[in-house]
Amino acid sequence: MTVSEHLASLRAKHADLEQHIHDEEHRPLPDQSLITDLKRQKLRIKDEIALLARDTTAAAH
């Protein structure tokens, strides 16, 4: 898997988590612990995306 493919995969996972969070928040009785866990996962992925993007940019220069 290339770096760009990995980034695309991470971005897709990030978007899926965002949708899952949205869906859970709009249920009649949202599970706050699940929402917190999903947000943590989303943040980890966001950090990994930023790290890979920064490394890719640095390697290009």
Protein backbone atom coordinates (compact mmCIF):
# COMPACT_ATOMS: atom_id res chain seq x y z
CA MET A 1 0.00 0.00 0.00
CA THR A 2 1.41 3.37 -0.98
CA VAL A 3 1.39 6.36 1.33
CA SER A 4 -1.33 8.03 -0.73
CA GLU A 5 -3.47 4.87 -0.57
CA HIS A 6 -2.93 4.70 3.19
CA LEU A 7 -3.92 8.35 3.54
CA ALA A 8 -7.05 7.74 1.48
CA SER A 9 -7.93 4.76 3.66
CA LEU A 10 -7.43 6.79 6.85
CA ARG A 11 -9.56 9.63 5.48
CA ALA A 12 -12.34 7.16 4.65
CA LYS A 13 -12.17 5.70 8.19
CA HIS A 14 -12.25 9.25 9.60
CA ALA A 15 -15.37 10.04 7.57
CA ASP A 16 -17.02 6.77 8.65
CA LEU A 17 -16.35 7.59 12.30
CA GLU A 18 -17.76 11.09 11.81
CA GLN A 19 -20.95 9.58 10.39
CA HIS A 20 -21.17 7.03 13.20
CA ILE A 21 -20.75 9.80 15.79
CA HIS A 22 -23.45 11.87 14.08
CA ASP A 23 -25.83 8.91 13.97
CA GLU A 24 -25.24 8.08 17.63
CA GLU A 25 -25.66 11.70 18.76
CA HIS A 26 -29.03 11.90 17.03
CA ARG A 27 -30.52 8.73 18.52
CA PRO A 28 -33.21 9.13 21.19
CA LEU A 29 -30.83 7.89 23.93
CA PRO A 30 -27.25 8.33 22.69
CA ASP A 31 -24.53 6.26 24.35
CA GLN A 32 -22.09 8.91 25.61
CA SER A 33 -19.31 6.40 26.33
CA LEU A 34 -19.54 5.12 22.74
CA ILE A 35 -19.46 8.68 21.41
CA THR A 36 -16.37 9.43 23.52
CA ASP A 37 -14.64 6.28 22.25
CA LEU A 38 -15.51 7.09 18.64
CA LYS A 39 -14.19 10.64 19.05
CA ARG A 40 -10.92 9.29 20.47
CA GLN A 41 -10.57 6.93 17.51
CA LYS A 42 -11.29 9.79 15.13
CA LEU A 43 -8.66 11.97 16.80
CA ARG A 44 -6.03 9.22 16.59
CA ILE A 45 -6.75 8.85 12.88
CA LYS A 46 -6.62 12.62 12.38
CA ASP A 47 -3.22 12.72 14.10
CA GLU A 48 -1.94 9.87 11.93
CA ILE A 49 -3.18 11.62 8.79
CA ALA A 50 -1.41 14.83 9.82
CA LEU A 51 1.81 12.94 10.58
CA LEU A 52 1.79 11.10 7.26
CA ALA A 53 0.93 14.25 5.32
CA ARG A 54 3.74 16.15 7.05
CA ASP A 55 6.24 13.33 6.41
CA THR A 56 5.18 13.12 2.77
CA THR A 57 5.57 16.87 2.34
CA ALA A 58 8.97 16.86 4.06
CA ALA A 59 10.19 13.99 1.88
CA ALA A 60 9.16 15.87 -1.27
CA HIS A 61 11.42 18.82 -0.43
